[in-house]
Amino acid sequence: MAVPQTNFAWATLLDVGPPERGGRRLHDRLAHALRTAIREGRLVEGAAVPPSRALAEEFGCSRWVVTEAYGQLIAEGYLAARVGSATRVSWSPDTVPPPPPRTPRAPEPAPIRYDLAPGLPDLRAFPRRRWADAVRAVTGSAVHYDLGLPDPAGHAVLRTTVAQYLRRSRGADADAASVSVCAGVTDGLVRTCRALVARGIADLAVEHPGWGRLRDAATSTGLRVHPVPVDQDGLRVDDLARTPARAVVVGAAHQFPTGTVLSPDRRARLVRWAREVDGFVIEDDYDAEFRYDHHPVAVMQGMDPSRVFLLGSVSKTLSPALGLGWLVAPAVTTTALRAANPVAAAPPVLDQLALATFIDRGWYDAHLRAARRRFRSRRDLLVRTLAERVPEGRVSGTAAGLHILLHLPDDVDTRAAVKAASTAGLRLSDLDDYRVERSAERALVLGYGNISDIEIPAAVALLREALRSAVGTSRQPPAVADPY
């Protein structure tokens, strides 16, 4: 029985286009034309397509061209072939599932105009030209075996350079064999914690308040973490001694976020504690290069290199985008350190060599000198502006590093202040963000690394408005005027 011609797609215009020199072959062009007609609804679902012989005669081509095109569309699901029946269209635009309903999007937060959060250096002042010169120099001078698989401990050139730099600038007792190159302080801490676990140490103490990422990094290795409070003299060693910890992470030169410096007496007691418990001190030297009232305090590691790990990086001096840091380990732990981190990857070799060149040519020291002058001036400006615009606030923290602590009256909801400031385009940090649990103390951690001097007055004006909106009226004495 003949199938009526109207069931076929004879009337459908199939634009296969002219032959293309070096382009798609005819069967590909035919498949594309049929696919387009189906997608546009000109060939509806259930419609039969012409027999291959008939369509071949229409186009004046071999039957193979048509069967190849049909076979491609059958494989893609646009056509379906059944024995004893015509090949038919098996897809239509209506079979495409409708897109899920759009849920109302939360309003976009205001773009950050001013950054008073801690954690970043002055990214505007990154020494682009000299860093590019260092990269260019090592790219041209690197020998062929430098381009192979990197040493997991880091390139020998950078390890030697870092050891020399730490000896002369930080008073460390380091050599190339004790240095491992890592991606930063957090990476170095994870490697150290794995080595401690391998030595049978199960408990680690951390400063409280402190940087949460360090706590998380230690926990990820299986260590039990014990917060130990910090006061005006730094870590309270007597409280540390009451924990089961045999290792502790401490920011001796400039504790984060309180800004205190570990006192000489507690430094000595901390080293004695490590000896007594057969444990270790992990010294986080994260921004110790920036001390403004006198020369930076030397690292604790020099007091007892057999008991103190030293962690450092260029994240606070150059940029965290470089992903370059170092770990100085006691000699007795070197083997365990390597074995506990068999798949730890060192940063790219060319970046390591670029940092070594940057330091060896004196560019790093020059950059630090300029940064110290800039940050000292900026810190002074921020403190003066806060005294004028937020007179009820009290600034604390050693004249060092890249942040200060702003203590506020008890009726200020610092969490609400941070939220209000963010809405206005100002980034802040609540001291409670660095605690295990909320405290009665009201304070903000203000960073001045990633803000320019000319932006500080406007930023403090926004801070003042945020504080004004965050005063808890239910706790505020009615007879006292709003200090903000």
Protein backbone atom coordinates (compact mmCIF):
# COMPACT_ATOMS: atom_id res chain seq x y z
CA MET A 1 0.00 0.00 0.00
CA ALA A 2 1.48 3.32 -1.03
CA VAL A 3 2.07 5.93 1.66
CA PRO A 4 0.52 9.31 0.73
CA GLN A 5 3.15 11.76 -0.38
CA THR A 6 1.91 14.38 2.10
CA ASN A 7 3.29 12.24 4.96
CA PHE A 8 6.79 12.85 3.71
CA ALA A 9 8.79 16.05 4.05
CA TRP A 10 8.84 16.75 0.32
CA ALA A 11 7.75 20.35 0.77
CA THR A 12 10.29 21.10 3.48
CA LEU A 13 13.09 23.33 2.29
CA LEU A 14 16.40 21.69 3.15
CA ASP A 15 19.14 24.23 2.62
CA VAL A 16 22.31 22.18 2.42
CA GLY A 17 24.28 25.08 0.99
CA PRO A 18 26.84 25.03 -1.80
CA PRO A 19 29.86 22.73 -1.76
CA GLU A 20 32.63 24.15 0.44
CA ARG A 21 36.27 23.92 -0.47
CA GLY A 22 37.89 22.02 2.37
CA GLY A 23 34.58 22.33 4.31
CA ARG A 24 31.94 19.89 5.50
CA ARG A 25 30.98 17.00 3.30
CA LEU A 26 27.51 16.71 1.72
CA HIS A 27 26.18 14.17 4.24
CA ASP A 28 27.22 16.45 7.11
CA ARG A 29 25.48 19.40 5.45
CA LEU A 30 22.34 17.35 4.86
CA ALA A 31 22.27 16.18 8.49
CA HIS A 32 22.68 19.80 9.63
CA ALA A 33 19.79 20.93 7.38
CA LEU A 34 17.46 18.21 8.68
CA ARG A 35 18.48 18.86 12.29
CA THR A 36 17.75 22.58 11.87
CA ALA A 37 14.34 21.88 10.32
CA ILE A 38 13.40 19.62 13.24
CA ARG A 39 14.61 22.09 15.85
CA GLU A 40 12.68 24.93 14.21
CA GLY A 41 9.48 22.84 14.09
CA ARG A 42 9.29 22.67 10.30
CA LEU A 43 9.56 18.90 10.58
CA VAL A 44 7.15 17.93 13.34
CA GLU A 45 7.37 14.91 15.59
CA GLY A 46 5.91 11.81 13.88
CA ALA A 47 6.43 13.10 10.34
CA ALA A 48 8.06 10.64 7.97
CA VAL A 49 11.16 11.65 6.11
CA PRO A 50 11.63 10.62 2.48
CA PRO A 51 13.10 7.22 1.67
CA SER A 52 16.83 7.42 1.21
CA ARG A 53 16.60 6.50 -2.47
CA ALA A 54 14.02 9.23 -3.17
CA LEU A 55 15.93 11.96 -1.34
CA ALA A 56 19.15 10.91 -3.07
CA GLU A 57 17.46 11.43 -6.41
CA GLU A 58 16.19 14.83 -5.23
CA PHE A 59 19.71 16.00 -4.44
CA GLY A 60 21.40 14.15 -7.28
CA CYS A 61 23.71 12.29 -4.94
CA SER A 62 24.41 8.72 -3.93
CA ARG A 63 22.08 6.90 -1.54
CA TRP A 64 25.04 6.53 0.88
CA VAL A 65 24.98 10.31 1.51
CA VAL A 66 21.35 10.15 2.71
CA THR A 67 21.78 6.98 4.80
CA GLU A 68 24.82 8.53 6.53
CA ALA A 69 22.84 11.69 7.36
CA TYR A 70 19.86 9.66 8.62
CA GLY A 71 22.12 7.42 10.67
CA GLN A 72 23.70 10.44 12.38
CA LEU A 73 20.30 11.91 13.30
CA ILE A 74 19.04 8.54 14.55
CA ALA A 75 22.10 8.32 16.82
CA GLU A 76 21.37 11.83 18.12
CA GLY A 77 17.70 11.01 18.81
CA TYR A 78 16.13 13.28 16.21
CA LEU A 79 14.93 10.38 14.00
CA ALA A 80 13.68 6.86 14.70
CA ALA A 81 13.80 3.96 12.26
CA ARG A 82 11.57 0.89 12.52
CA VAL A 83 11.65 -2.26 10.40
CA GLY A 84 8.85 -2.22 7.84
CA SER A 85 8.00 1.43 8.49
CA ALA A 86 9.20 4.82 7.35
CA THR A 87 11.89 6.67 9.21
CA ARG A 88 10.13 9.32 11.28
CA VAL A 89 10.95 12.43 13.34
CA SER A 90 11.13 11.47 17.01
CA TRP A 91 11.86 14.83 18.61
CA SER A 92 10.24 18.23 18.77
CA PRO A 93 10.98 21.44 20.64
CA ASP A 94 7.95 20.71 22.83
CA THR A 95 9.61 17.60 24.27
CA VAL A 96 12.37 19.67 25.84
CA PRO A 97 11.61 19.95 29.56
CA PRO A 98 10.72 23.50 30.55
CA PRO A 99 13.37 25.36 32.48
CA PRO A 100 12.92 25.28 36.25
CA PRO A 101 11.02 28.24 37.64
CA ARG A 102 13.28 31.11 38.51
CA THR A 103 13.51 31.67 42.20
CA PRO A 104 13.84 35.23 43.39
CA ARG A 105 17.50 36.08 43.75
CA ALA A 106 18.73 37.70 46.90
CA PRO A 107 19.74 41.29 46.34
CA GLU A 108 23.35 41.64 45.34
CA PRO A 109 25.53 43.02 48.15
CA ALA A 110 26.95 46.44 47.61
CA PRO A 111 30.38 46.37 46.00
CA ILE A 112 33.18 46.77 48.50
CA ARG A 113 34.59 50.27 48.18
CA TYR A 114 36.86 50.26 51.21
CA ASP A 115 38.67 47.27 52.70
CA LEU A 116 39.42 47.43 56.42
CA ALA A 117 39.48 43.66 56.88
CA PRO A 118 42.77 42.09 57.98
CA GLY A 119 44.81 39.60 56.02
CA LEU A 120 46.07 41.42 52.93
CA PRO A 121 49.09 43.58 52.19
CA ASP A 122 48.98 46.61 49.88
CA LEU A 123 48.16 44.88 46.60
CA ARG A 124 48.50 48.19 44.74
CA ALA A 125 52.16 48.29 45.71
CA PHE A 126 53.06 44.84 44.41
CA PRO A 127 56.47 45.26 42.67
CA ARG A 128 55.21 44.18 39.24
CA ARG A 129 58.19 45.34 37.20
CA ARG A 130 60.86 43.78 39.38
CA TRP A 131 58.90 40.57 39.82
CA ALA A 132 58.50 40.38 36.05
CA ASP A 133 62.25 41.00 35.69
CA ALA A 134 62.94 38.13 38.10
CA VAL A 135 60.62 35.77 36.22
CA ARG A 136 62.16 36.78 32.90
CA ALA A 137 65.68 36.28 34.23
CA VAL A 138 65.09 32.77 35.56
CA THR A 139 63.08 31.71 32.52
CA GLY A 140 66.06 32.54 30.36
CA SER A 141 68.74 31.13 32.65
CA ALA A 142 67.11 27.98 34.07
CA VAL A 143 68.94 24.84 33.03
CA HIS A 144 66.97 22.06 31.37
CA TYR A 145 66.74 19.83 34.45
CA ASP A 146 65.11 22.69 36.39
CA LEU A 147 62.11 22.18 34.12
CA GLY A 148 61.57 18.58 35.16
CA LEU A 149 59.69 17.20 38.14
CA PRO A 150 60.23 19.51 41.14
CA ASP A 151 61.86 18.39 44.37
CA PRO A 152 59.00 17.99 46.91
CA ALA A 153 61.11 19.86 49.46
CA GLY A 154 61.61 22.79 47.10
CA HIS A 155 64.38 23.89 44.77
CA ALA A 156 67.80 23.90 46.40
CA VAL A 157 68.49 27.46 45.22
CA LEU A 158 65.44 28.91 46.99
CA ARG A 159 65.98 26.80 50.10
CA THR A 160 69.53 28.16 50.38
CA THR A 161 68.36 31.73 49.76
CA VAL A 162 65.55 31.48 52.32
CA ALA A 163 67.89 30.04 54.94
CA GLN A 164 70.34 32.91 54.41
CA TYR A 165 67.55 35.49 54.53
CA LEU A 166 66.10 34.07 57.76
CA ARG A 167 69.52 33.99 59.43
CA ARG A 168 70.33 37.61 58.68
CA SER A 169 66.89 39.19 59.02
CA ARG A 170 65.01 37.06 61.55
CA GLY A 171 67.79 35.59 63.68
CA ALA A 172 66.87 32.03 62.73
CA ASP A 173 69.13 29.01 62.99
CA ALA A 174 68.48 27.59 59.52
CA ASP A 175 70.27 25.95 56.62
CA ALA A 176 69.09 24.62 53.28
CA ALA A 177 68.60 21.11 54.68
CA SER A 178 66.13 22.35 57.32
CA VAL A 179 64.04 24.43 54.90
CA SER A 180 61.08 23.12 52.91
CA VAL A 181 59.32 25.28 50.35
CA CYS A 182 55.53 25.24 50.62
CA ALA A 183 52.51 27.13 49.36
CA GLY A 184 52.12 29.26 52.49
CA VAL A 185 51.69 29.14 56.25
CA THR A 186 48.55 26.99 56.15
CA ASP A 187 50.21 24.47 53.85
CA GLY A 188 53.28 24.44 56.07
CA LEU A 189 51.16 23.87 59.17
CA VAL A 190 49.34 20.94 57.58
CA ARG A 191 52.66 19.33 56.69
CA THR A 192 53.96 19.91 60.21
CA CYS A 193 50.84 18.48 61.84
CA ARG A 194 51.04 15.32 59.74
CA ALA A 195 54.62 14.87 60.87
CA LEU A 196 53.57 15.35 64.50
CA VAL A 197 50.82 12.75 64.13
CA ALA A 198 53.39 10.36 62.66
CA ARG A 199 55.51 10.90 65.81
CA GLY A 200 52.59 9.97 68.06
CA ILE A 201 51.47 13.47 69.04
CA ALA A 202 47.66 13.66 69.21
CA ASP A 203 46.95 17.06 70.80
CA LEU A 204 47.80 20.56 69.60
CA ALA A 205 47.23 23.90 71.33
CA VAL A 206 46.34 27.08 69.48
CA GLU A 207 46.03 30.69 70.59
CA HIS A 208 42.56 31.98 71.46
CA PRO A 209 41.39 34.15 69.84
CA GLY A 210 43.24 33.14 66.70
CA TRP A 211 43.11 32.55 62.98
CA GLY A 212 40.40 29.97 62.33
CA ARG A 213 42.07 28.52 59.25
CA LEU A 214 44.98 27.33 61.38
CA ARG A 215 42.60 25.52 63.73
CA ASP A 216 40.84 23.94 60.77
CA ALA A 217 44.13 22.93 59.16
CA ALA A 218 45.27 21.18 62.34
CA THR A 219 41.93 19.44 62.80
CA SER A 220 42.03 18.16 59.21
CA THR A 221 45.14 16.13 60.05
CA GLY A 222 43.45 14.31 62.93
CA LEU A 223 44.91 16.34 65.80
CA ARG A 224 42.74 17.34 68.74
CA VAL A 225 42.87 21.13 69.08
CA HIS A 226 42.90 22.94 72.43
CA PRO A 227 42.37 26.74 72.53
CA VAL A 228 44.63 28.53 75.00
CA PRO A 229 43.85 32.14 75.98
CA VAL A 230 46.06 35.11 75.14
CA ASP A 231 46.56 38.16 77.35
CA GLN A 232 48.66 41.31 77.12
CA ASP A 233 51.87 39.24 77.31
CA GLY A 234 50.83 36.72 74.67
CA LEU A 235 50.03 33.04 75.08
CA ARG A 236 49.37 32.03 78.68
CA VAL A 237 51.91 29.26 79.13
CA ASP A 238 50.51 28.20 82.52
CA ASP A 239 47.15 27.48 80.87
CA LEU A 240 48.96 25.62 78.08
CA ALA A 241 50.64 23.37 80.62
CA ARG A 242 47.21 22.26 81.89
CA THR A 243 46.25 20.84 78.50
CA PRO A 244 47.30 17.43 77.12
CA ALA A 245 48.93 19.15 74.15
CA ARG A 246 52.53 18.39 73.23
CA ALA A 247 52.66 20.99 70.46
CA VAL A 248 51.44 24.57 70.16
CA VAL A 249 51.03 27.13 67.37
CA VAL A 250 52.03 30.62 68.44
CA GLY A 251 52.47 34.02 66.81
CA ALA A 252 55.35 35.17 68.97
CA ALA A 253 56.32 38.34 67.12
CA HIS A 254 52.76 39.63 66.56
CA GLN A 255 49.78 37.59 67.67
CA PHE A 256 46.69 37.60 65.50
CA PRO A 257 44.24 39.15 66.15
CA THR A 258 45.12 40.77 69.48
CA GLY A 259 48.37 42.28 68.19
CA THR A 260 50.31 41.36 71.34
CA VAL A 261 53.97 40.31 71.37
CA LEU A 262 55.01 37.26 73.37
CA SER A 263 56.97 38.57 76.35
CA PRO A 264 60.61 37.52 76.87
CA ASP A 265 59.71 35.59 80.01
CA ARG A 266 57.00 33.61 78.25
CA ARG A 267 59.26 32.88 75.30
CA ALA A 268 61.74 31.24 77.65
CA ARG A 269 58.97 29.39 79.53
CA LEU A 270 57.45 28.16 76.27
CA VAL A 271 60.72 26.64 75.13
CA ARG A 272 61.16 24.99 78.54
CA TRP A 273 57.62 23.61 78.30
CA ALA A 274 58.42 22.02 74.92
CA ARG A 275 61.46 20.31 76.41
CA GLU A 276 59.57 19.11 79.47
CA VAL A 277 56.73 17.49 77.49
CA ASP A 278 59.02 16.29 74.68
CA GLY A 279 57.01 18.45 72.34
CA PHE A 280 57.32 21.26 69.83
CA VAL A 281 56.50 24.91 69.27
CA ILE A 282 55.23 25.90 65.82
CA GLU A 283 56.07 29.56 65.31
CA ASP A 284 53.85 31.45 62.85
CA ASP A 285 56.01 34.37 61.69
CA TYR A 286 53.27 35.68 59.39
CA ASP A 287 53.92 39.47 59.38
CA ALA A 288 56.89 39.91 61.69
CA GLU A 289 58.80 42.01 59.13
CA PHE A 290 56.51 44.95 59.95
CA ARG A 291 57.47 46.45 63.31
CA TYR A 292 57.29 50.25 63.57
CA ASP A 293 58.41 51.22 67.07
CA HIS A 294 61.75 49.39 66.97
CA HIS A 295 63.60 46.61 65.17
CA PRO A 296 61.54 43.41 64.70
CA VAL A 297 61.97 40.83 67.45
CA ALA A 298 64.00 37.77 66.39
CA VAL A 299 62.25 34.45 65.95
CA MET A 300 61.94 31.98 68.81
CA GLN A 301 63.29 29.27 66.55
CA GLY A 302 66.80 30.57 67.12
CA MET A 303 66.44 29.85 70.85
CA ASP A 304 66.00 26.12 70.32
CA PRO A 305 65.96 24.92 66.67
CA SER A 306 65.53 21.34 67.90
CA ARG A 307 62.11 22.16 69.40
CA VAL A 308 60.71 24.96 67.24
CA PHE A 309 59.23 24.81 63.75
CA LEU A 310 59.23 28.13 61.88
CA LEU A 311 56.53 29.01 59.33
CA GLY A 312 56.68 32.00 56.98
CA SER A 313 55.52 33.21 53.59
CA VAL A 314 55.38 36.21 51.26
CA SER A 315 51.58 36.41 51.50
CA LYS A 316 51.69 39.41 53.85
CA THR A 317 54.77 41.04 52.31
CA LEU A 318 54.24 40.62 48.56
CA SER A 319 50.95 38.89 47.69
CA PRO A 320 49.05 35.71 48.63
CA ALA A 321 48.58 35.14 44.89
CA LEU A 322 52.20 33.97 44.63
CA GLY A 323 51.53 30.95 46.86
CA LEU A 324 55.10 30.83 48.19
CA GLY A 325 56.17 30.08 51.74
CA TRP A 326 58.66 28.11 53.81
CA LEU A 327 58.88 25.73 56.71
CA VAL A 328 62.00 25.39 58.84
CA ALA A 329 61.89 22.09 60.72
CA PRO A 330 63.99 20.64 63.55
CA ALA A 331 66.56 18.18 62.22
CA VAL A 332 65.04 15.28 64.20
CA THR A 333 61.74 15.72 62.35
CA THR A 334 63.02 16.14 58.79
CA THR A 335 62.67 12.48 57.86
CA ALA A 336 59.20 12.23 59.41
CA LEU A 337 58.21 15.46 57.72
CA ARG A 338 59.12 14.14 54.26
CA ALA A 339 57.56 10.73 54.90
CA ALA A 340 54.31 12.18 56.28
CA ASN A 341 53.81 14.35 53.18
CA PRO A 342 54.76 12.09 50.26
CA VAL A 343 52.38 13.76 47.80
CA ALA A 344 52.79 17.36 48.98
CA ALA A 345 53.52 19.43 45.90
CA ALA A 346 56.06 22.23 45.94
CA PRO A 347 55.14 25.53 44.22
CA PRO A 348 56.11 25.90 40.53
CA VAL A 349 59.88 25.79 40.09
CA LEU A 350 60.12 28.96 38.01
CA ASP A 351 58.23 30.87 40.71
CA GLN A 352 60.61 29.50 43.33
CA LEU A 353 63.62 30.58 41.30
CA ALA A 354 62.03 34.00 40.70
CA LEU A 355 61.64 34.52 44.47
CA ALA A 356 65.26 33.47 45.03
CA THR A 357 66.38 36.01 42.42
CA PHE A 358 64.09 38.67 43.90
CA ILE A 359 65.70 38.18 47.31
CA ASP A 360 69.29 37.74 46.12
CA ARG A 361 69.24 40.97 44.13
CA GLY A 362 68.13 42.95 47.17
CA TRP A 363 64.72 43.76 45.77
CA TYR A 364 62.87 42.04 48.61
CA ASP A 365 64.68 44.05 51.29
CA ALA A 366 64.05 47.27 49.36
CA HIS A 367 60.37 46.41 49.04
CA LEU A 368 60.11 45.71 52.78
CA ARG A 369 61.79 49.02 53.68
CA ALA A 370 59.34 50.95 51.53
CA ALA A 371 56.40 48.92 52.87
CA ARG A 372 57.38 49.57 56.48
CA ARG A 373 57.44 53.33 55.88
CA ARG A 374 54.09 53.20 54.10
CA PHE A 375 52.35 51.01 56.68
CA ARG A 376 53.70 52.97 59.65
CA SER A 377 52.32 56.20 58.17
CA ARG A 378 49.02 54.54 57.31
CA ARG A 379 48.62 53.03 60.77
CA ASP A 380 49.24 56.43 62.37
CA LEU A 381 46.66 58.02 60.06
CA LEU A 382 44.07 55.37 60.86
CA VAL A 383 44.61 55.69 64.63
CA ARG A 384 44.31 59.50 64.45
CA THR A 385 41.18 59.36 62.33
CA LEU A 386 39.55 56.84 64.67
CA ALA A 387 40.36 59.06 67.65
CA GLU A 388 38.60 61.97 65.93
CA ARG A 389 35.58 60.19 64.47
CA VAL A 390 35.06 57.29 66.95
CA PRO A 391 36.18 58.81 70.26
CA GLU A 392 34.51 56.10 72.33
CA GLY A 393 36.65 53.46 70.70
CA ARG A 394 39.99 52.33 72.10
CA VAL A 395 42.79 51.10 69.89
CA SER A 396 45.10 48.32 71.06
CA GLY A 397 47.83 46.21 69.55
CA THR A 398 51.58 46.63 69.15
CA ALA A 399 52.75 49.12 66.53
CA ALA A 400 53.37 46.30 64.10
CA GLY A 401 51.81 44.20 61.39
CA LEU A 402 48.84 45.15 59.24
CA HIS A 403 45.94 45.44 61.66
CA ILE A 404 44.75 47.02 64.91
CA LEU A 405 42.05 46.14 67.42
CA LEU A 406 39.27 48.67 68.02
CA HIS A 407 37.52 48.11 71.37
CA LEU A 408 33.96 49.46 71.57
CA PRO A 409 31.36 50.20 74.24
CA ASP A 410 29.33 47.27 75.54
CA ASP A 411 26.13 48.50 73.89
CA VAL A 412 27.51 48.12 70.37
CA ASP A 413 26.46 45.00 68.48
CA THR A 414 29.65 44.38 66.51
CA ARG A 415 28.04 41.71 64.37
CA ALA A 416 25.33 44.16 63.30
CA ALA A 417 27.99 46.80 62.68
CA VAL A 418 29.89 44.48 60.33
CA LYS A 419 26.68 43.74 58.43
CA ALA A 420 25.70 47.40 58.17
CA ALA A 421 29.18 48.33 57.00
CA SER A 422 29.12 45.63 54.33
CA THR A 423 25.79 46.98 53.04
CA ALA A 424 27.45 50.39 52.72
CA GLY A 425 30.49 48.96 50.91
CA LEU A 426 32.94 48.72 53.81
CA ARG A 427 34.58 45.40 54.75
CA LEU A 428 35.20 44.84 58.48
CA SER A 429 35.91 41.90 60.79
CA ASP A 430 34.40 41.19 64.19
CA LEU A 431 36.81 39.96 66.87
CA ASP A 432 34.27 37.22 67.62
CA ASP A 433 34.97 35.81 64.15
CA TYR A 434 38.27 34.57 65.56
CA ARG A 435 36.88 33.07 68.75
CA VAL A 436 35.51 29.61 69.40
CA GLU A 437 32.44 31.22 70.99
CA ARG A 438 31.12 34.75 71.38
CA SER A 439 32.54 36.93 74.13
CA ALA A 440 31.25 39.86 76.13
CA GLU A 441 34.13 41.91 74.73
CA ARG A 442 33.13 44.17 71.85
CA ALA A 443 35.88 44.80 69.34
CA LEU A 444 36.58 45.02 65.61
CA VAL A 445 39.75 43.88 63.86
CA LEU A 446 40.70 46.61 61.38
CA GLY A 447 43.25 45.93 58.69
CA TYR A 448 45.03 48.76 56.93
CA GLY A 449 47.13 46.82 54.46
CA ASN A 450 44.79 46.87 51.48
CA ILE A 451 43.45 50.42 51.69
CA SER A 452 45.07 53.63 50.47
CA ASP A 453 45.77 56.60 52.71
CA ILE A 454 43.30 58.83 50.88
CA GLU A 455 40.51 56.29 51.45
CA ILE A 456 40.89 56.11 55.23
CA PRO A 457 38.79 59.21 56.16
CA ALA A 458 35.86 58.04 54.02
CA ALA A 459 36.18 54.48 55.32
CA VAL A 460 36.13 55.64 58.95
CA ALA A 461 33.10 57.83 58.20
CA LEU A 462 31.25 54.72 56.98
CA LEU A 463 32.46 52.84 60.06
CA ARG A 464 31.04 55.56 62.28
CA GLU A 465 27.64 55.29 60.59
CA ALA A 466 27.68 51.50 60.90
CA LEU A 467 28.44 51.77 64.61
CA ARG A 468 25.69 54.33 65.04
CA SER A 469 23.18 51.91 63.54
CA ALA A 470 24.44 49.02 65.69
CA VAL A 471 24.01 50.61 69.11
CA GLY A 472 21.69 48.40 71.18
CA THR A 473 19.03 50.81 72.40
CA SER A 474 17.67 48.28 74.89
CA ARG A 475 20.99 48.21 76.70
CA GLN A 476 21.86 51.86 76.26
CA PRO A 477 21.28 54.14 79.27
CA PRO A 478 18.50 56.55 78.20
CA ALA A 479 20.24 59.63 79.61
CA VAL A 480 23.42 59.11 77.58
CA ALA A 481 23.59 60.63 74.11
CA ASP A 482 24.60 58.50 71.15
CA PRO A 483 28.43 58.82 71.10
CA TYR A 484 28.54 58.21 67.35
